[in-house]
Structures are given as C-alpha cells and as structure tokens.
C-alpha cells in the first residue's frame, strides 16, 4: 500500500508517523517496534524513533506499506500540530 502523508510543519519524527498511521497505539511503543521490525527511511534501515522526516522523505515498512511525506497542500492526510 502506498500512502501520502501531509504535514503542516517542518518535520515529523518517525515515532509520530508510526502512531499517526496506526502501526503503534502509543508513542512508547515506537522504540520496541523499530527494534523488532524493518523500517526503511529513504532506502536505509532506521531504528531511531526521533528520526526527523521532512517533505520528500519516503518511509517503507515491508509489512505495512510505503509512506511519502509531503508538505501541506499536496497530500490527502494531515497530521495536525498539537498545541
């Protein structure tokens, strides 16, 4: 499954992305998930939950899908900035 994720700020972290797309149910699960599963960011293995994802980044999770990060105005989903 290929999906475009729209963000309305400079970046999001890999942990935030995993929670947003419902791969994990809480932010605390990100470290465990990344240790147990293969996650590729721009075709390189990544295991840091704090990895910053900018527009143009591609996140591939073999068992879940591929996610394209885009800035606001060009995608179908939005991660709202929490205040």
N, C-alpha and C. Protein backbone atom coordinates (compact mmCIF):
# COMPACT_ATOMS: atom_id res chain seq x y z
N UNK A 1 0.84 -1.17 0.00
CA UNK A 1 0.00 0.00 0.00
C UNK A 1 0.89 1.24 0.00
N UNK A 2 0.61 2.17 -0.90
CA UNK A 2 1.33 3.44 -0.95
C UNK A 2 0.40 4.53 -0.45
N UNK A 3 0.92 5.38 0.42
CA UNK A 3 0.10 6.42 1.02
C UNK A 3 0.91 7.70 1.15
N UNK A 4 0.27 8.83 0.93
CA UNK A 4 0.92 10.13 1.09
C UNK A 4 0.47 10.74 2.40
N UNK A 5 1.42 11.20 3.19
CA UNK A 5 1.15 11.84 4.47
C UNK A 5 1.51 13.31 4.36
N UNK A 6 0.55 14.16 4.65
CA UNK A 6 0.74 15.60 4.55
C UNK A 6 1.04 16.17 5.93
N UNK A 7 2.06 17.00 6.03
CA UNK A 7 2.40 17.64 7.30
C UNK A 7 2.31 19.15 7.15
N UNK A 8 1.96 19.81 8.24
CA UNK A 8 1.84 21.27 8.19
C UNK A 8 2.91 21.97 9.03
N UNK A 9 4.05 21.30 9.17
CA UNK A 9 5.20 21.87 9.87
C UNK A 9 6.47 21.40 9.18
N UNK A 10 7.61 21.79 9.68
CA UNK A 10 8.87 21.49 9.00
C UNK A 10 9.17 19.99 8.92
N UNK A 11 8.88 19.24 9.98
CA UNK A 11 9.17 17.81 10.00
C UNK A 11 8.27 17.12 11.01
N UNK A 12 8.23 15.78 10.94
CA UNK A 12 7.66 14.95 12.00
C UNK A 12 8.70 13.88 12.31
N UNK A 13 8.57 13.25 13.45
CA UNK A 13 9.51 12.18 13.78
C UNK A 13 8.94 10.84 13.31
N UNK A 14 9.82 9.89 13.20
CA UNK A 14 9.41 8.55 12.79
C UNK A 14 8.41 7.97 13.77
N UNK A 15 8.61 8.18 15.06
CA UNK A 15 7.66 7.70 16.07
C UNK A 15 6.28 8.31 15.89
N UNK A 16 6.22 9.60 15.59
CA UNK A 16 4.93 10.26 15.34
C UNK A 16 4.24 9.68 14.12
N UNK A 17 5.00 9.40 13.08
CA UNK A 17 4.43 8.82 11.88
C UNK A 17 3.84 7.44 12.17
N UNK A 18 4.59 6.60 12.89
CA UNK A 18 4.09 5.26 13.22
C UNK A 18 2.78 5.32 13.99
N UNK A 19 2.66 6.27 14.89
CA UNK A 19 1.42 6.43 15.66
C UNK A 19 0.29 6.96 14.76
N UNK A 20 0.60 7.93 13.93
CA UNK A 20 -0.41 8.53 13.06
C UNK A 20 -1.04 7.52 12.11
N UNK A 21 -0.25 6.60 11.58
CA UNK A 21 -0.78 5.63 10.62
C UNK A 21 -1.26 4.35 11.30
N UNK A 22 -1.39 4.42 12.63
CA UNK A 22 -1.94 3.34 13.45
C UNK A 22 -1.14 2.04 13.40
N UNK A 23 0.15 2.14 13.24
CA UNK A 23 1.01 0.97 13.33
C UNK A 23 1.28 0.66 14.81
N UNK A 24 1.42 1.71 15.61
CA UNK A 24 1.55 1.56 17.06
C UNK A 24 0.44 2.35 17.72
N UNK A 25 0.10 1.99 18.96
CA UNK A 25 -1.00 2.68 19.63
C UNK A 25 -0.55 3.80 20.56
N UNK A 26 0.75 3.80 20.92
CA UNK A 26 1.25 4.88 21.76
C UNK A 26 2.70 5.18 21.38
N UNK A 27 3.14 6.36 21.71
CA UNK A 27 4.49 6.77 21.38
C UNK A 27 5.54 5.89 22.05
N UNK A 28 5.23 5.36 23.23
CA UNK A 28 6.15 4.50 23.94
C UNK A 28 6.45 3.18 23.23
N UNK A 29 5.60 2.78 22.31
CA UNK A 29 5.80 1.53 21.58
C UNK A 29 6.78 1.68 20.41
N UNK A 30 7.12 2.90 20.06
CA UNK A 30 7.95 3.14 18.87
C UNK A 30 9.32 2.48 18.99
N UNK A 31 9.97 2.61 20.13
CA UNK A 31 11.30 2.03 20.30
C UNK A 31 11.26 0.51 20.13
N UNK A 32 10.28 -0.12 20.76
CA UNK A 32 10.11 -1.57 20.62
C UNK A 32 9.84 -1.96 19.17
N UNK A 33 8.91 -1.25 18.52
CA UNK A 33 8.55 -1.58 17.15
C UNK A 33 9.77 -1.49 16.23
N UNK A 34 10.53 -0.44 16.36
CA UNK A 34 11.70 -0.24 15.50
C UNK A 34 12.80 -1.28 15.76
N UNK A 35 12.87 -1.80 16.99
CA UNK A 35 13.85 -2.84 17.30
C UNK A 35 13.43 -4.19 16.71
N UNK A 36 12.13 -4.42 16.59
CA UNK A 36 11.61 -5.72 16.16
C UNK A 36 11.27 -5.80 14.67
N UNK A 37 11.10 -4.67 13.99
CA UNK A 37 10.66 -4.65 12.60
C UNK A 37 11.61 -3.85 11.71
N UNK A 38 11.63 -4.19 10.45
CA UNK A 38 12.43 -3.45 9.48
C UNK A 38 11.67 -2.20 9.05
N UNK A 39 12.31 -1.06 9.17
CA UNK A 39 11.75 0.21 8.71
C UNK A 39 12.84 0.91 7.91
N UNK A 40 12.52 1.27 6.68
CA UNK A 40 13.48 1.95 5.82
C UNK A 40 13.06 3.40 5.63
N UNK A 41 13.99 4.31 5.84
CA UNK A 41 13.75 5.74 5.57
C UNK A 41 14.69 6.11 4.44
N UNK A 42 14.13 6.52 3.33
CA UNK A 42 14.92 6.84 2.14
C UNK A 42 15.87 5.69 1.79
N UNK A 43 15.34 4.47 1.82
CA UNK A 43 16.03 3.23 1.43
C UNK A 43 17.15 2.81 2.38
N UNK A 44 17.22 3.38 3.59
CA UNK A 44 18.21 2.97 4.58
C UNK A 44 17.52 2.52 5.85
N UNK A 45 18.01 1.42 6.44
CA UNK A 45 17.42 0.90 7.66
C UNK A 45 17.47 1.96 8.77
N UNK A 46 16.37 2.13 9.48
CA UNK A 46 16.29 3.16 10.52
C UNK A 46 15.68 2.56 11.78
N UNK A 47 16.30 2.83 12.94
CA UNK A 47 15.75 2.33 14.20
C UNK A 47 15.64 3.42 15.27
N UNK A 48 15.76 4.67 14.87
CA UNK A 48 15.64 5.79 15.82
C UNK A 48 14.24 6.38 15.73
N UNK A 49 13.51 6.37 16.84
CA UNK A 49 12.15 6.90 16.83
C UNK A 49 12.12 8.41 16.64
N UNK A 50 13.21 9.07 16.97
CA UNK A 50 13.29 10.52 16.83
C UNK A 50 13.79 10.98 15.47
N UNK A 51 14.01 10.07 14.55
CA UNK A 51 14.47 10.44 13.21
C UNK A 51 13.51 11.44 12.60
N UNK A 52 14.03 12.57 12.15
CA UNK A 52 13.18 13.61 11.57
C UNK A 52 12.87 13.29 10.12
N UNK A 53 11.60 13.37 9.79
CA UNK A 53 11.14 13.12 8.42
C UNK A 53 10.67 14.44 7.83
N UNK A 54 11.27 14.82 6.73
CA UNK A 54 10.97 16.08 6.07
C UNK A 54 10.17 15.80 4.79
N UNK A 55 9.49 16.81 4.24
CA UNK A 55 8.84 16.60 2.94
C UNK A 55 9.85 16.05 1.93
N UNK A 56 9.43 15.02 1.23
CA UNK A 56 10.30 14.34 0.29
C UNK A 56 10.82 13.02 0.82
N UNK A 57 10.71 12.79 2.13
CA UNK A 57 11.15 11.53 2.72
C UNK A 57 10.20 10.41 2.33
N UNK A 58 10.75 9.21 2.20
CA UNK A 58 9.96 8.02 1.90
C UNK A 58 10.23 7.00 2.99
N UNK A 59 9.16 6.53 3.64
CA UNK A 59 9.28 5.53 4.69
C UNK A 59 8.66 4.24 4.18
N UNK A 60 9.44 3.18 4.19
CA UNK A 60 8.97 1.87 3.74
C UNK A 60 8.95 0.91 4.92
N UNK A 61 7.79 0.31 5.15
CA UNK A 61 7.64 -0.70 6.19
C UNK A 61 7.11 -1.93 5.47
N UNK A 62 7.96 -2.94 5.24
CA UNK A 62 7.58 -4.07 4.40
C UNK A 62 6.23 -4.70 4.73
N UNK A 63 5.88 -4.84 6.00
CA UNK A 63 4.62 -5.48 6.36
C UNK A 63 3.42 -4.52 6.34
N UNK A 64 3.66 -3.22 6.20
CA UNK A 64 2.59 -2.23 6.29
C UNK A 64 2.37 -1.40 5.03
N UNK A 65 3.44 -0.95 4.39
CA UNK A 65 3.29 -0.13 3.20
C UNK A 65 4.39 0.91 3.07
N UNK A 66 4.19 1.81 2.11
CA UNK A 66 5.14 2.88 1.82
C UNK A 66 4.44 4.21 2.05
N UNK A 67 5.11 5.10 2.73
CA UNK A 67 4.54 6.40 3.08
C UNK A 67 5.42 7.51 2.54
N UNK A 68 4.82 8.43 1.80
CA UNK A 68 5.51 9.58 1.23
C UNK A 68 5.17 10.81 2.06
N UNK A 69 6.17 11.52 2.52
CA UNK A 69 5.95 12.72 3.33
C UNK A 69 5.93 13.93 2.41
N UNK A 70 4.85 14.72 2.51
CA UNK A 70 4.74 15.94 1.70
C UNK A 70 4.28 17.09 2.58
N UNK A 71 4.59 18.29 2.14
CA UNK A 71 4.15 19.46 2.89
C UNK A 71 2.68 19.74 2.60
N UNK A 72 2.08 20.52 3.47
CA UNK A 72 0.65 20.83 3.38
C UNK A 72 0.28 21.38 2.00
N UNK A 73 -0.90 20.98 1.53
CA UNK A 73 -1.40 21.48 0.26
C UNK A 73 -1.21 20.53 -0.90
N UNK A 74 -0.51 19.39 -0.67
CA UNK A 74 -0.26 18.47 -1.78
C UNK A 74 -0.61 17.02 -1.47
N UNK A 75 -1.21 16.74 -0.30
CA UNK A 75 -1.47 15.34 0.06
C UNK A 75 -2.90 15.16 0.56
N UNK A 76 -3.22 13.94 0.91
CA UNK A 76 -4.59 13.61 1.30
C UNK A 76 -4.81 13.50 2.79
N UNK A 77 -3.75 13.40 3.59
CA UNK A 77 -3.90 13.28 5.04
C UNK A 77 -3.11 14.39 5.72
N UNK A 78 -3.55 14.79 6.90
CA UNK A 78 -2.87 15.83 7.62
C UNK A 78 -2.57 15.38 9.05
N UNK A 79 -1.38 15.65 9.52
CA UNK A 79 -1.05 15.48 10.93
C UNK A 79 -1.15 16.87 11.53
N UNK A 80 -2.15 17.09 12.33
CA UNK A 80 -2.37 18.40 12.91
C UNK A 80 -1.33 18.70 13.97
N UNK A 81 -0.85 19.91 13.99
CA UNK A 81 0.11 20.31 15.01
C UNK A 81 -0.63 20.45 16.32
N UNK A 82 -0.14 19.76 17.36
CA UNK A 82 -0.78 19.80 18.66
C UNK A 82 -0.33 21.04 19.42
N UNK A 83 -1.29 21.71 20.02
CA UNK A 83 -0.99 22.95 20.75
C UNK A 83 -1.14 22.74 22.24
